[in-house]
Each structure stands twice: as structure tokens, then as C-alpha cells.
Amino acid sequence: MDRFVRCSLGRSVRRIVWLAVTDTDWWRWWWWWWCVVLKRYSQFYDMDTAVRTAFATNFEVLNSMPAAPARQAKLLTDHMDNTFVEQRRVLLENYLSKMIKVEAVVRHPVFLLFLGVKPDS
């Protein structure tokens, strides 16, 4: 299952930084279907925690999962700074690209819902 994920930057009027996760879901459709899902960093963090908890006893999967980009204190770092936002975007894009290569993670319902894909029942 090949999936391509790209994060792009978005900002709202309320000074909130959103990352757009673009997923090419071509294996479900006859044409290229672009799905954009808006996520905040905290949602990446929550998804990572949930997936790691689900695979807590499967050390093979845990060892193949990449580390999530580290949190940084808002008191020490301006989270609206363009340089910071771009660095975090690149880190999250790399993180998702590596997570998608882990077969067990790609099939996990929490990860699929995070990407906006309805898990198969």
C-alpha cells in the first residue's frame, strides 16, 4: 500500500497554526482523490500516543515507529514564528512519511481516522 502524505501550512485568523495533511487515496478510487485534513500539533501528539499505547506489547512495531517531533514550551519558543512553524511542518511531514511505512500502523483505526480515512469494518 503506497500512500503519499504531505503537510502544508495554514493559519487561521485566531493565530492558530494548522497543518494540512494531504493524502492521495488512489488505491480506493479509479482516479486521484485528494483529501485534505486539518490537524494541529496536539492532534499529532495524541494520535502518536494512542498508536503507541495500542502497540505497547508489540515491540517489533514499536521499534519500527519513528519518534514524534518533540514538544516545545510556548514560553520559550514563539509558536507563531515562521521559522519555527516551517521546521515543525518539515518534521511532521517526515514523521508521517515514516509512519506510513509501518504496515501495522497504516492498518490501525486510530491512524486511519487521523488521516481522515474510514477504517474497514
PDB file of N, CA and C in Angstrom:
ATOM      1  N   MET A   1       0.845  -1.168   0.000  1.00  0.00           N
ATOM      2  CA  MET A   1       0.000   0.000   0.000  1.00  0.00           C
ATOM      3  C   MET A   1       0.892   1.233   0.000  1.00  0.00           C
ATOM      4  N   ASP A   2       0.906   1.938  -1.096  1.00  0.00           N
ATOM      5  CA  ASP A   2       1.690   3.176  -1.174  1.00  0.00           C
ATOM      6  C   ASP A   2       0.771   4.346  -0.928  1.00  0.00           C
ATOM      7  N   ARG A   3       1.182   5.197  -0.020  1.00  0.00           N
ATOM      8  CA  ARG A   3       0.409   6.407   0.267  1.00  0.00           C
ATOM      9  C   ARG A   3       1.390   7.546   0.346  1.00  0.00           C
ATOM     10  N   PHE A   4       0.977   8.667  -0.159  1.00  0.00           N
ATOM     11  CA  PHE A   4       1.824   9.838  -0.143  1.00  0.00           C
ATOM     12  C   PHE A   4       1.183  10.866   0.771  1.00  0.00           C
ATOM     13  N   VAL A   5       1.952  11.364   1.707  1.00  0.00           N
ATOM     14  CA  VAL A   5       1.424  12.349   2.644  1.00  0.00           C
ATOM     15  C   VAL A   5       2.298  13.579   2.584  1.00  0.00           C
ATOM     16  N   ARG A   6       1.653  14.729   2.556  1.00  0.00           N
ATOM     17  CA  ARG A   6       2.386  15.986   2.552  1.00  0.00           C
ATOM     18  C   ARG A   6       1.707  16.927   3.528  1.00  0.00           C
ATOM     19  N   CYS A   7       2.480  17.613   4.304  1.00  0.00           N
ATOM     20  CA  CYS A   7       1.933  18.608   5.224  1.00  0.00           C
ATOM     21  C   CYS A   7       2.174  19.987   4.635  1.00  0.00           C
ATOM     22  N   SER A   8       1.165  20.805   4.663  1.00  0.00           N
ATOM     23  CA  SER A   8       1.356  22.189   4.247  1.00  0.00           C
ATOM     24  C   SER A   8       0.819  23.094   5.339  1.00  0.00           C
ATOM     25  N   LEU A   9       1.255  24.312   5.318  1.00  0.00           N
ATOM     26  CA  LEU A   9       0.967  25.247   6.388  1.00  0.00           C
ATOM     27  C   LEU A   9      -0.315  26.009   6.142  1.00  0.00           C
ATOM     28  N   GLY A  10      -1.073  26.199   7.200  1.00  0.00           N
ATOM     29  CA  GLY A  10      -2.266  27.032   7.138  1.00  0.00           C
ATOM     30  C   GLY A  10      -2.379  27.794   8.448  1.00  0.00           C
ATOM     31  N   ARG A  11      -2.919  28.978   8.391  1.00  0.00           N
ATOM     32  CA  ARG A  11      -3.122  29.770   9.609  1.00  0.00           C
ATOM     33  C   ARG A  11      -4.539  30.299   9.624  1.00  0.00           C
ATOM     34  N   SER A  12      -5.111  30.350  10.798  1.00  0.00           N
ATOM     35  CA  SER A  12      -6.447  30.930  10.911  1.00  0.00           C
ATOM     36  C   SER A  12      -6.324  32.353  11.428  1.00  0.00           C
ATOM     37  N   VAL A  13      -7.425  33.042  11.445  1.00  0.00           N
ATOM     38  CA  VAL A  13      -7.429  34.420  11.907  1.00  0.00           C
ATOM     39  C   VAL A  13      -7.144  34.501  13.412  1.00  0.00           C
ATOM     40  N   ARG A  14      -7.376  33.461  14.127  1.00  0.00           N
ATOM     41  CA  ARG A  14      -7.177  33.454  15.570  1.00  0.00           C
ATOM     42  C   ARG A  14      -5.751  33.081  15.961  1.00  0.00           C
ATOM     43  N   ARG A  15      -4.836  33.213  15.066  1.00  0.00           N
ATOM     44  CA  ARG A  15      -3.420  32.907  15.312  1.00  0.00           C
ATOM     45  C   ARG A  15      -3.206  31.451  15.732  1.00  0.00           C
ATOM     46  N   ILE A  16      -3.917  30.574  15.067  1.00  0.00           N
ATOM     47  CA  ILE A  16      -3.739  29.140  15.280  1.00  0.00           C
ATOM     48  C   ILE A  16      -3.081  28.580  14.033  1.00  0.00           C
ATOM     49  N   VAL A  17      -2.066  27.777  14.214  1.00  0.00           N
ATOM     50  CA  VAL A  17      -1.389  27.167  13.071  1.00  0.00           C
ATOM     51  C   VAL A  17      -1.983  25.786  12.823  1.00  0.00           C
ATOM     52  N   TRP A  18      -2.452  25.566  11.610  1.00  0.00           N
ATOM     53  CA  TRP A  18      -2.972  24.275  11.197  1.00  0.00           C
ATOM     54  C   TRP A  18      -2.022  23.654  10.196  1.00  0.00           C
ATOM     55  N   LEU A  19      -1.916  22.359  10.218  1.00  0.00           N
ATOM     56  CA  LEU A  19      -1.173  21.644   9.196  1.00  0.00           C
ATOM     57  C   LEU A  19      -2.176  20.879   8.353  1.00  0.00           C
ATOM     58  N   ALA A  20      -2.091  21.033   7.061  1.00  0.00           N
ATOM     59  CA  ALA A  20      -2.983  20.310   6.157  1.00  0.00           C
ATOM     60  C   ALA A  20      -2.297  19.018   5.754  1.00  0.00           C
ATOM     61  N   VAL A  21      -2.892  17.898   6.105  1.00  0.00           N
ATOM     62  CA  VAL A  21      -2.355  16.592   5.731  1.00  0.00           C
ATOM     63  C   VAL A  21      -3.036  16.201   4.431  1.00  0.00           C
ATOM     64  N   THR A  22      -2.269  16.123   3.371  1.00  0.00           N
ATOM     65  CA  THR A  22      -2.802  15.775   2.056  1.00  0.00           C
ATOM     66  C   THR A  22      -2.524  14.306   1.800  1.00  0.00           C
ATOM     67  N   ASP A  23      -3.574  13.569   1.531  1.00  0.00           N
ATOM     68  CA  ASP A  23      -3.464  12.120   1.374  1.00  0.00           C
ATOM     69  C   ASP A  23      -3.969  11.743  -0.012  1.00  0.00           C
ATOM     70  N   THR A  24      -3.141  11.121  -0.811  1.00  0.00           N
ATOM     71  CA  THR A  24      -3.611  10.642  -2.109  1.00  0.00           C
ATOM     72  C   THR A  24      -4.146   9.233  -1.896  1.00  0.00           C
ATOM     73  N   ASP A  25      -5.431   9.111  -1.966  1.00  0.00           N
ATOM     74  CA  ASP A  25      -6.117   7.861  -1.661  1.00  0.00           C
ATOM     75  C   ASP A  25      -6.436   7.129  -2.969  1.00  0.00           C
ATOM     76  N   TRP A  26      -5.421   6.850  -3.768  1.00  0.00           N
ATOM     77  CA  TRP A  26      -5.656   6.297  -5.100  1.00  0.00           C
ATOM     78  C   TRP A  26      -5.994   4.825  -5.092  1.00  0.00           C
ATOM     79  N   TRP A  27      -5.687   4.105  -4.044  1.00  0.00           N
ATOM     80  CA  TRP A  27      -5.962   2.674  -4.036  1.00  0.00           C
ATOM     81  C   TRP A  27      -7.433   2.364  -3.786  1.00  0.00           C
ATOM     82  N   ARG A  28      -8.253   3.371  -3.411  1.00  0.00           N
ATOM     83  CA  ARG A  28      -9.684   3.165  -3.207  1.00  0.00           C
ATOM     84  C   ARG A  28     -10.510   3.641  -4.407  1.00  0.00           C
ATOM     85  N   TRP A  29      -9.956   4.457  -5.267  1.00  0.00           N
ATOM     86  CA  TRP A  29     -10.716   5.060  -6.352  1.00  0.00           C
ATOM     87  C   TRP A  29     -10.016   4.836  -7.686  1.00  0.00           C
ATOM     88  N   TRP A  30     -10.740   5.072  -8.762  1.00  0.00           N
ATOM     89  CA  TRP A  30     -10.165   4.942 -10.092  1.00  0.00           C
ATOM     90  C   TRP A  30      -9.376   6.173 -10.475  1.00  0.00           C
ATOM     91  N   TRP A  31      -9.565   7.242  -9.796  1.00  0.00           N
ATOM     92  CA  TRP A  31      -8.860   8.479 -10.087  1.00  0.00           C
ATOM     93  C   TRP A  31      -8.136   8.948  -8.834  1.00  0.00           C
ATOM     94  N   TRP A  32      -7.322   9.942  -8.993  1.00  0.00           N
ATOM     95  CA  TRP A  32      -6.614  10.511  -7.834  1.00  0.00           C
ATOM     96  C   TRP A  32      -7.604  11.335  -7.015  1.00  0.00           C
ATOM     97  N   TRP A  33      -7.736  10.990  -5.774  1.00  0.00           N
ATOM     98  CA  TRP A  33      -8.644  11.699  -4.881  1.00  0.00           C
ATOM     99  C   TRP A  33      -7.798  12.365  -3.807  1.00  0.00           C
ATOM    100  N   TRP A  34      -7.830  13.663  -3.766  1.00  0.00           N
ATOM    101  CA  TRP A  34      -7.030  14.404  -2.794  1.00  0.00           C
ATOM    102  C   TRP A  34      -7.883  14.695  -1.577  1.00  0.00           C
ATOM    103  N   CYS A  35      -7.397  14.315  -0.460  1.00  0.00           N
ATOM    104  CA  CYS A  35      -8.114  14.511   0.786  1.00  0.00           C
ATOM    105  C   CYS A  35      -7.260  15.398   1.678  1.00  0.00           C
ATOM    106  N   VAL A  36      -7.791  16.514   2.078  1.00  0.00           N
ATOM    107  CA  VAL A  36      -7.046  17.422   2.948  1.00  0.00           C
ATOM    108  C   VAL A  36      -7.699  17.390   4.327  1.00  0.00           C
ATOM    109  N   VAL A  37      -6.898  17.093   5.329  1.00  0.00           N
ATOM    110  CA  VAL A  37      -7.368  17.032   6.697  1.00  0.00           C
ATOM    111  C   VAL A  37      -6.548  18.036   7.501  1.00  0.00           C
ATOM    112  N   LEU A  38      -7.231  18.938   8.206  1.00  0.00           N
ATOM    113  CA  LEU A  38      -6.524  19.930   9.011  1.00  0.00           C
ATOM    114  C   LEU A  38      -6.262  19.373  10.399  1.00  0.00           C
ATOM    115  N   LYS A  39      -5.018  19.461  10.838  1.00  0.00           N
ATOM    116  CA  LYS A  39      -4.616  18.941  12.146  1.00  0.00           C
ATOM    117  C   LYS A  39      -3.727  19.949  12.853  1.00  0.00           C
ATOM    118  N   ARG A  40      -3.850  19.986  14.159  1.00  0.00           N
ATOM    119  CA  ARG A  40      -2.948  20.777  14.990  1.00  0.00           C
ATOM    120  C   ARG A  40      -1.876  19.846  15.520  1.00  0.00           C
ATOM    121  N   TYR A  41      -0.783  20.430  16.019  1.00  0.00           N
ATOM    122  CA  TYR A  41       0.298  19.608  16.536  1.00  0.00           C
ATOM    123  C   TYR A  41      -0.196  18.695  17.664  1.00  0.00           C
ATOM    124  N   SER A  42      -1.060  19.204  18.527  1.00  0.00           N
ATOM    125  CA  SER A  42      -1.561  18.402  19.648  1.00  0.00           C
ATOM    126  C   SER A  42      -2.296  17.156  19.156  1.00  0.00           C
ATOM    127  N   GLN A  43      -2.925  17.227  17.990  1.00  0.00           N
ATOM    128  CA  GLN A  43      -3.607  16.069  17.430  1.00  0.00           C
ATOM    129  C   GLN A  43      -2.596  15.031  16.924  1.00  0.00           C
ATOM    130  N   PHE A  44      -1.480  15.487  16.375  1.00  0.00           N
ATOM    131  CA  PHE A  44      -0.401  14.560  16.006  1.00  0.00           C
ATOM    132  C   PHE A  44       0.092  13.846  17.258  1.00  0.00           C
ATOM    133  N   TYR A  45       0.299  14.613  18.304  1.00  0.00           N
ATOM    134  CA  TYR A  45       0.818  14.068  19.560  1.00  0.00           C
ATOM    135  C   TYR A  45      -0.168  13.042  20.151  1.00  0.00           C
ATOM    136  N   ASP A  46      -1.451  13.382  20.159  1.00  0.00           N
ATOM    137  CA  ASP A  46      -2.468  12.468  20.682  1.00  0.00           C
ATOM    138  C   ASP A  46      -2.549  11.188  19.862  1.00  0.00           C
ATOM    139  N   MET A  47      -2.482  11.308  18.543  1.00  0.00           N
ATOM    140  CA  MET A  47      -2.521  10.130  17.679  1.00  0.00           C
ATOM    141  C   MET A  47      -1.317   9.242  17.950  1.00  0.00           C
ATOM    142  N   ASP A  48      -0.137   9.851  18.061  1.00  0.00           N
ATOM    143  CA  ASP A  48       1.073   9.084  18.319  1.00  0.00           C
ATOM    144  C   ASP A  48       0.964   8.335  19.647  1.00  0.00           C
ATOM    145  N   THR A  49       0.480   9.001  20.669  1.00  0.00           N
ATOM    146  CA  THR A  49       0.316   8.375  21.980  1.00  0.00           C
ATOM    147  C   THR A  49      -0.668   7.208  21.906  1.00  0.00           C
ATOM    148  N   ALA A  50      -1.785   7.394  21.212  1.00  0.00           N
ATOM    149  CA  ALA A  50      -2.794   6.338  21.095  1.00  0.00           C
ATOM    150  C   ALA A  50      -2.262   5.129  20.331  1.00  0.00           C
ATOM    151  N   VAL A  51      -1.538   5.370  19.255  1.00  0.00           N
ATOM    152  CA  VAL A  51      -0.992   4.257  18.465  1.00  0.00           C
ATOM    153  C   VAL A  51       0.080   3.505  19.266  1.00  0.00           C
ATOM    154  N   ARG A  52       0.940   4.243  19.956  1.00  0.00           N
ATOM    155  CA  ARG A  52       1.962   3.586  20.777  1.00  0.00           C
ATOM    156  C   ARG A  52       1.338   2.781  21.914  1.00  0.00           C
ATOM    157  N   THR A  53       0.262   3.284  22.488  1.00  0.00           N
ATOM    158  CA  THR A  53      -0.443   2.547  23.543  1.00  0.00           C
ATOM    159  C   THR A  53      -1.052   1.268  22.979  1.00  0.00           C
ATOM    160  N   ALA A  54      -1.610   1.343  21.788  1.00  0.00           N
ATOM    161  CA  ALA A  54      -2.219   0.172  21.156  1.00  0.00           C
ATOM    162  C   ALA A  54      -1.194  -0.920  20.867  1.00  0.00           C
ATOM    163  N   PHE A  55       0.030  -0.531  20.567  1.00  0.00           N
ATOM    164  CA  PHE A  55       1.081  -1.499  20.250  1.00  0.00           C
ATOM    165  C   PHE A  55       2.074  -1.660  21.401  1.00  0.00           C
ATOM    166  N   ALA A  56       1.626  -1.378  22.615  1.00  0.00           N
ATOM    167  CA  ALA A  56       2.526  -1.398  23.782  1.00  0.00           C
ATOM    168  C   ALA A  56       3.205  -2.745  23.989  1.00  0.00           C
ATOM    169  N   THR A  57       2.559  -3.832  23.624  1.00  0.00           N
ATOM    170  CA  THR A  57       3.155  -5.160  23.825  1.00  0.00           C
ATOM    171  C   THR A  57       3.828  -5.702  22.568  1.00  0.00           C
ATOM    172  N   ASN A  58       3.709  -4.998  21.457  1.00  0.00           N
ATOM    173  CA  ASN A  58       4.317  -5.441  20.201  1.00  0.00           C
ATOM    174  C   ASN A  58       5.594  -4.627  19.965  1.00  0.00           C
ATOM    175  N   PHE A  59       6.696  -5.131  20.491  1.00  0.00           N
ATOM    176  CA  PHE A  59       7.952  -4.385  20.442  1.00  0.00           C
ATOM    177  C   PHE A  59       8.505  -4.241  19.029  1.00  0.00           C
ATOM    178  N   GLU A  60       8.168  -5.169  18.157  1.00  0.00           N
ATOM    179  CA  GLU A  60       8.636  -5.076  16.765  1.00  0.00           C
ATOM    180  C   GLU A  60       8.031  -3.840  16.090  1.00  0.00           C
ATOM    181  N   VAL A  61       6.739  -3.628  16.295  1.00  0.00           N
ATOM    182  CA  VAL A  61       6.074  -2.467  15.711  1.00  0.00           C
ATOM    183  C   VAL A  61       6.573  -1.188  16.384  1.00  0.00           C
ATOM    184  N   LEU A  62       6.668  -1.201  17.706  1.00  0.00           N
ATOM    185  CA  LEU A  62       7.139  -0.013  18.426  1.00  0.00           C
ATOM    186  C   LEU A  62       8.530   0.411  17.982  1.00  0.00           C
ATOM    187  N   ASN A  63       9.403  -0.548  17.778  1.00  0.00           N
ATOM    188  CA  ASN A  63      10.769  -0.235  17.358  1.00  0.00           C
ATOM    189  C   ASN A  63      10.840   0.278  15.928  1.00  0.00           C
ATOM    190  N   SER A  64       9.862  -0.076  15.110  1.00  0.00           N
ATOM    191  CA  SER A  64       9.880   0.384  13.717  1.00  0.00           C
ATOM    192  C   SER A  64       9.190   1.750  13.553  1.00  0.00           C
ATOM    193  N   MET A  65       8.499   2.204  14.589  1.00  0.00           N
ATOM    194  CA  MET A  65       7.831   3.507  14.525  1.00  0.00           C
ATOM    195  C   MET A  65       8.832   4.632  14.773  1.00  0.00           C
ATOM    196  N   PRO A  66       8.739   5.711  14.007  1.00  0.00           N
ATOM    197  CA  PRO A  66       9.641   6.849  14.239  1.00  0.00           C
ATOM    198  C   PRO A  66       9.205   7.624  15.484  1.00  0.00           C
ATOM    199  N   ALA A  67      10.125   8.348  16.044  1.00  0.00           N
ATOM    200  CA  ALA A  67       9.796   9.210  17.184  1.00  0.00           C
ATOM    201  C   ALA A  67       9.038  10.428  16.681  1.00  0.00           C
ATOM    202  N   ALA A  68       8.031  10.808  17.426  1.00  0.00           N
ATOM    203  CA  ALA A  68       7.273  12.011  17.066  1.00  0.00           C
ATOM    204  C   ALA A  68       8.125  13.242  17.354  1.00  0.00           C
ATOM    205  N   PRO A  69       7.970  14.299  16.578  1.00  0.00           N
ATOM    206  CA  PRO A  69       8.704  15.533  16.865  1.00  0.00           C
ATOM    207  C   PRO A  69       8.404  16.010  18.284  1.00  0.00           C
ATOM    208  N   ALA A  70       9.421  16.452  18.968  1.00  0.00           N
ATOM    209  CA  ALA A  70       9.292  16.835  20.376  1.00  0.00           C
ATOM    210  C   ALA A  70       8.454  18.094  20.548  1.00  0.00           C
ATOM    211  N   ARG A  71       7.781  18.140  21.678  1.00  0.00           N
ATOM    212  CA  ARG A  71       7.045  19.344  22.050  1.00  0.00           C
ATOM    213  C   ARG A  71       8.029  20.409  22.511  1.00  0.00           C
ATOM    214  N   GLN A  72       7.641  21.657  22.334  1.00  0.00           N
ATOM    215  CA  GLN A  72       8.470  22.761  22.807  1.00  0.00           C
ATOM    216  C   GLN A  72       7.594  23.728  23.588  1.00  0.00           C
ATOM    217  N   ALA A  73       8.111  24.200  24.701  1.00  0.00           N
ATOM    218  CA  ALA A  73       7.343  25.091  25.576  1.00  0.00           C
ATOM    219  C   ALA A  73       7.037  26.415  24.885  1.00  0.00           C
ATOM    220  N   LYS A  74       5.799  26.844  24.987  1.00  0.00           N
ATOM    221  CA  LYS A  74       5.388  28.107  24.361  1.00  0.00           C
ATOM    222  C   LYS A  74       6.026  29.308  25.047  1.00  0.00           C
ATOM    223  N   LEU A  75       6.414  29.146  26.296  1.00  0.00           N
ATOM    224  CA  LEU A  75       7.067  30.251  26.998  1.00  0.00           C
ATOM    225  C   LEU A  75       8.466  30.525  26.457  1.00  0.00           C
ATOM    226  N   LEU A  76       9.102  29.466  25.920  1.00  0.00           N
ATOM    227  CA  LEU A  76      10.470  29.602  25.427  1.00  0.00           C
ATOM    228  C   LEU A  76      10.557  29.773  23.918  1.00  0.00           C
ATOM    229  N   THR A  77       9.508  29.369  23.209  1.00  0.00           N
ATOM    230  CA  THR A  77       9.524  29.392  21.750  1.00  0.00           C
ATOM    231  C   THR A  77       8.257  30.051  21.234  1.00  0.00           C
ATOM    232  N   ASP A  78       8.395  30.964  20.290  1.00  0.00           N
ATOM    233  CA  ASP A  78       7.238  31.585  19.659  1.00  0.00           C
ATOM    234  C   ASP A  78       6.673  30.614  18.629  1.00  0.00           C
ATOM    235  N   HIS A  79       5.539  30.023  18.942  1.00  0.00           N
ATOM    236  CA  HIS A  79       4.951  29.016  18.059  1.00  0.00           C
ATOM    237  C   HIS A  79       4.316  29.613  16.811  1.00  0.00           C
ATOM    238  N   MET A  80       4.281  30.913  16.710  1.00  0.00           N
ATOM    239  CA  MET A  80       3.760  31.569  15.514  1.00  0.00           C
ATOM    240  C   MET A  80       4.882  32.081  14.606  1.00  0.00           C
ATOM    241  N   ASP A  81       6.116  31.916  15.041  1.00  0.00           N
ATOM    242  CA  ASP A  81       7.266  32.337  14.255  1.00  0.00           C
ATOM    243  C   ASP A  81       7.346  31.495  12.977  1.00  0.00           C
ATOM    244  N   ASN A  82       7.528  32.154  11.850  1.00  0.00           N
ATOM    245  CA  ASN A  82       7.544  31.440  10.563  1.00  0.00           C
ATOM    246  C   ASN A  82       8.613  30.358  10.500  1.00  0.00           C
ATOM    247  N   THR A  83       9.779  30.629  11.043  1.00  0.00           N
ATOM    248  CA  THR A  83      10.863  29.637  11.020  1.00  0.00           C
ATOM    249  C   THR A  83      10.487  28.412  11.848  1.00  0.00           C
ATOM    250  N   PHE A  84       9.952  28.657  13.031  1.00  0.00           N
ATOM    251  CA  PHE A  84       9.536  27.545  13.893  1.00  0.00           C
ATOM    252  C   PHE A  84       8.452  26.709  13.221  1.00  0.00           C
ATOM    253  N   VAL A  85       7.451  27.373  12.652  1.00  0.00           N
ATOM    254  CA  VAL A  85       6.337  26.673  12.016  1.00  0.00           C
ATOM    255  C   VAL A  85       6.832  25.839  10.843  1.00  0.00           C
ATOM    256  N   GLU A  86       7.722  26.389  10.042  1.00  0.00           N
ATOM    257  CA  GLU A  86       8.248  25.644   8.889  1.00  0.00           C
ATOM    258  C   GLU A  86       9.077  24.442   9.345  1.00  0.00           C
ATOM    259  N   GLN A  87       9.902  24.608  10.371  1.00  0.00           N
ATOM    260  CA  GLN A  87      10.688  23.484  10.889  1.00  0.00           C
ATOM    261  C   GLN A  87       9.770  22.380  11.420  1.00  0.00           C
ATOM    262  N   ARG A  88       8.742  22.769  12.161  1.00  0.00           N
ATOM    263  CA  ARG A  88       7.813  21.770  12.688  1.00  0.00           C
ATOM    264  C   ARG A  88       7.065  21.078  11.561  1.00  0.00           C
ATOM    265  N   ARG A  89       6.674  21.829  10.524  1.00  0.00           N
ATOM    266  CA  ARG A  89       5.977  21.239   9.378  1.00  0.00           C
ATOM    267  C   ARG A  89       6.818  20.167   8.719  1.00  0.00           C
ATOM    268  N   VAL A  90       8.096  20.474   8.505  1.00  0.00           N
ATOM    269  CA  VAL A  90       9.007  19.514   7.876  1.00  0.00           C
ATOM    270  C   VAL A  90       9.160  18.279   8.761  1.00  0.00           C
ATOM    271  N   LEU A  91       9.313  18.480  10.060  1.00  0.00           N
ATOM    272  CA  LEU A  91       9.451  17.353  10.983  1.00  0.00           C
ATOM    273  C   LEU A  91       8.198  16.469  10.977  1.00  0.00           C
ATOM    274  N   LEU A  92       7.024  17.088  10.975  1.00  0.00           N
ATOM    275  CA  LEU A  92       5.788  16.312  10.972  1.00  0.00           C
ATOM    276  C   LEU A  92       5.569  15.593   9.643  1.00  0.00           C
ATOM    277  N   GLU A  93       5.966  16.232   8.552  1.00  0.00           N
ATOM    278  CA  GLU A  93       5.856  15.573   7.245  1.00  0.00           C
ATOM    279  C   GLU A  93       6.759  14.344   7.196  1.00  0.00           C
ATOM    280  N   ASN A  94       7.986  14.473   7.672  1.00  0.00           N
ATOM    281  CA  ASN A  94       8.903  13.325   7.715  1.00  0.00           C
ATOM    282  C   ASN A  94       8.374  12.233   8.643  1.00  0.00           C
ATOM    283  N   TYR A  95       7.841  12.642   9.776  1.00  0.00           N
ATOM    284  CA  TYR A  95       7.273  11.699  10.741  1.00  0.00           C
ATOM    285  C   TYR A  95       6.143  10.879  10.101  1.00  0.00           C
ATOM    286  N   LEU A  96       5.207  11.559   9.430  1.00  0.00           N
ATOM    287  CA  LEU A  96       4.103  10.842   8.786  1.00  0.00           C
ATOM    288  C   LEU A  96       4.582   9.937   7.660  1.00  0.00           C
ATOM    289  N   SER A  97       5.544  10.400   6.900  1.00  0.00           N
ATOM    290  CA  SER A  97       6.079   9.583   5.802  1.00  0.00           C
ATOM    291  C   SER A  97       6.694   8.290   6.333  1.00  0.00           C
ATOM    292  N   LYS A  98       7.342   8.372   7.482  1.00  0.00           N
ATOM    293  CA  LYS A  98       7.944   7.170   8.091  1.00  0.00           C
ATOM    294  C   LYS A  98       6.878   6.290   8.739  1.00  0.00           C
ATOM    295  N   MET A  99       5.856   6.901   9.345  1.00  0.00           N
ATOM    296  CA  MET A  99       4.787   6.109   9.967  1.00  0.00           C
ATOM    297  C   MET A  99       4.038   5.285   8.923  1.00  0.00           C
ATOM    298  N   ILE A 100       3.875   5.853   7.746  1.00  0.00           N
ATOM    299  CA  ILE A 100       3.133   5.163   6.698  1.00  0.00           C
ATOM    300  C   ILE A 100       3.870   3.913   6.210  1.00  0.00           C
ATOM    301  N   LYS A 101       5.156   3.851   6.422  1.00  0.00           N
ATOM    302  CA  LYS A 101       5.934   2.680   6.008  1.00  0.00           C
ATOM    303  C   LYS A 101       5.796   1.515   6.976  1.00  0.00           C
ATOM    304  N   VAL A 102       5.185   1.740   8.132  1.00  0.00           N
ATOM    305  CA  VAL A 102       4.981   0.676   9.115  1.00  0.00           C
ATOM    306  C   VAL A 102       3.600   0.074   8.866  1.00  0.00           C
ATOM    307  N   GLU A 103       3.582  -1.122   8.313  1.00  0.00           N
ATOM    308  CA  GLU A 103       2.345  -1.776   7.863  1.00  0.00           C
ATOM    309  C   GLU A 103       1.280  -1.863   8.958  1.00  0.00           C
ATOM    310  N   ALA A 104       1.656  -2.248  10.151  1.00  0.00           N
ATOM    311  CA  ALA A 104       0.680  -2.397  11.237  1.00  0.00           C
ATOM    312  C   ALA A 104       0.064  -1.056  11.609  1.00  0.00           C
ATOM    313  N   VAL A 105       0.830  -0.002  11.554  1.00  0.00           N
ATOM    314  CA  VAL A 105       0.329   1.332  11.895  1.00  0.00           C
ATOM    315  C   VAL A 105      -0.661   1.809  10.841  1.00  0.00           C
ATOM    316  N   VAL A 106      -0.350   1.586   9.588  1.00  0.00           N
ATOM    317  CA  VAL A 106      -1.208   2.037   8.491  1.00  0.00           C
ATOM    318  C   VAL A 106      -2.585   1.385   8.564  1.00  0.00           C
ATOM    319  N   ARG A 107      -2.650   0.192   9.092  1.00  0.00           N
ATOM    320  CA  ARG A 107      -3.924  -0.522   9.189  1.00  0.00           C
ATOM    321  C   ARG A 107      -4.669  -0.236  10.495  1.00  0.00           C
ATOM    322  N   HIS A 108      -4.043   0.483  11.408  1.00  0.00           N
ATOM    323  CA  HIS A 108      -4.669   0.736  12.703  1.00  0.00           C
ATOM    324  C   HIS A 108      -5.760   1.801  12.572  1.00  0.00           C
ATOM    325  N   PRO A 109      -6.951   1.561  13.177  1.00  0.00           N
ATOM    326  CA  PRO A 109      -8.071   2.503  13.046  1.00  0.00           C
ATOM    327  C   PRO A 109      -7.763   3.921  13.538  1.00  0.00           C
ATOM    328  N   VAL A 110      -7.003   4.067  14.599  1.00  0.00           N
ATOM    329  CA  VAL A 110      -6.673   5.407  15.110  1.00  0.00           C
ATOM    330  C   VAL A 110      -5.886   6.198  14.070  1.00  0.00           C
ATOM    331  N   PHE A 111      -4.911   5.555  13.438  1.00  0.00           N
ATOM    332  CA  PHE A 111      -4.093   6.223  12.427  1.00  0.00           C
ATOM    333  C   PHE A 111      -4.931   6.554  11.196  1.00  0.00           C
ATOM    334  N   LEU A 112      -5.778   5.623  10.789  1.00  0.00           N
ATOM    335  CA  LEU A 112      -6.628   5.868   9.615  1.00  0.00           C
ATOM    336  C   LEU A 112      -7.585   7.020   9.857  1.00  0.00           C
ATOM    337  N   LEU A 113      -8.195   7.058  11.034  1.00  0.00           N
ATOM    338  CA  LEU A 113      -9.097   8.172  11.361  1.00  0.00           C
ATOM    339  C   LEU A 113      -8.360   9.488  11.402  1.00  0.00           C
ATOM    340  N   PHE A 114      -7.127   9.463  11.879  1.00  0.00           N
ATOM    341  CA  PHE A 114      -6.305  10.676  11.907  1.00  0.00           C
ATOM    342  C   PHE A 114      -6.113  11.219  10.494  1.00  0.00           C
ATOM    343  N   LEU A 115      -5.922  10.322   9.538  1.00  0.00           N
ATOM    344  CA  LEU A 115      -5.730  10.740   8.145  1.00  0.00           C
ATOM    345  C   LEU A 115      -7.052  11.042   7.438  1.00  0.00           C
ATOM    346  N   GLY A 116      -8.162  10.816   8.121  1.00  0.00           N
ATOM    347  CA  GLY A 116      -9.452  11.090   7.511  1.00  0.00           C
ATOM    348  C   GLY A 116      -9.963   9.950   6.660  1.00  0.00           C
ATOM    349  N   VAL A 117      -9.426   8.750   6.872  1.00  0.00           N
ATOM    350  CA  VAL A 117      -9.838   7.586   6.112  1.00  0.00           C
ATOM    351  C   VAL A 117     -10.694   6.713   7.016  1.00  0.00           C
ATOM    352  N   LYS A 118     -11.859   6.315   6.535  1.00  0.00           N
ATOM    353  CA  LYS A 118     -12.723   5.461   7.328  1.00  0.00           C
ATOM    354  C   LYS A 118     -12.132   4.049   7.338  1.00  0.00           C
ATOM    355  N   PRO A 119     -11.847   3.509   8.540  1.00  0.00           N
ATOM    356  CA  PRO A 119     -11.287   2.157   8.615  1.00  0.00           C
ATOM    357  C   PRO A 119     -12.291   1.124   8.103  1.00  0.00           C
ATOM    358  N   ASP A 120     -11.765   0.067   7.496  1.00  0.00           N
ATOM    359  CA  ASP A 120     -12.618  -1.035   7.050  1.00  0.00           C
ATOM    360  C   ASP A 120     -13.148  -1.762   8.267  1.00  0.00           C
ATOM    361  N   SER A 121     -14.414  -2.123   8.227  1.00  0.00           N
ATOM    362  CA  SER A 121     -15.024  -2.833   9.371  1.00  0.00           C
ATOM    363  C   SER A 121     -14.709  -4.290   9.335  1.00  0.00           C
TER     364      SER A 121
END
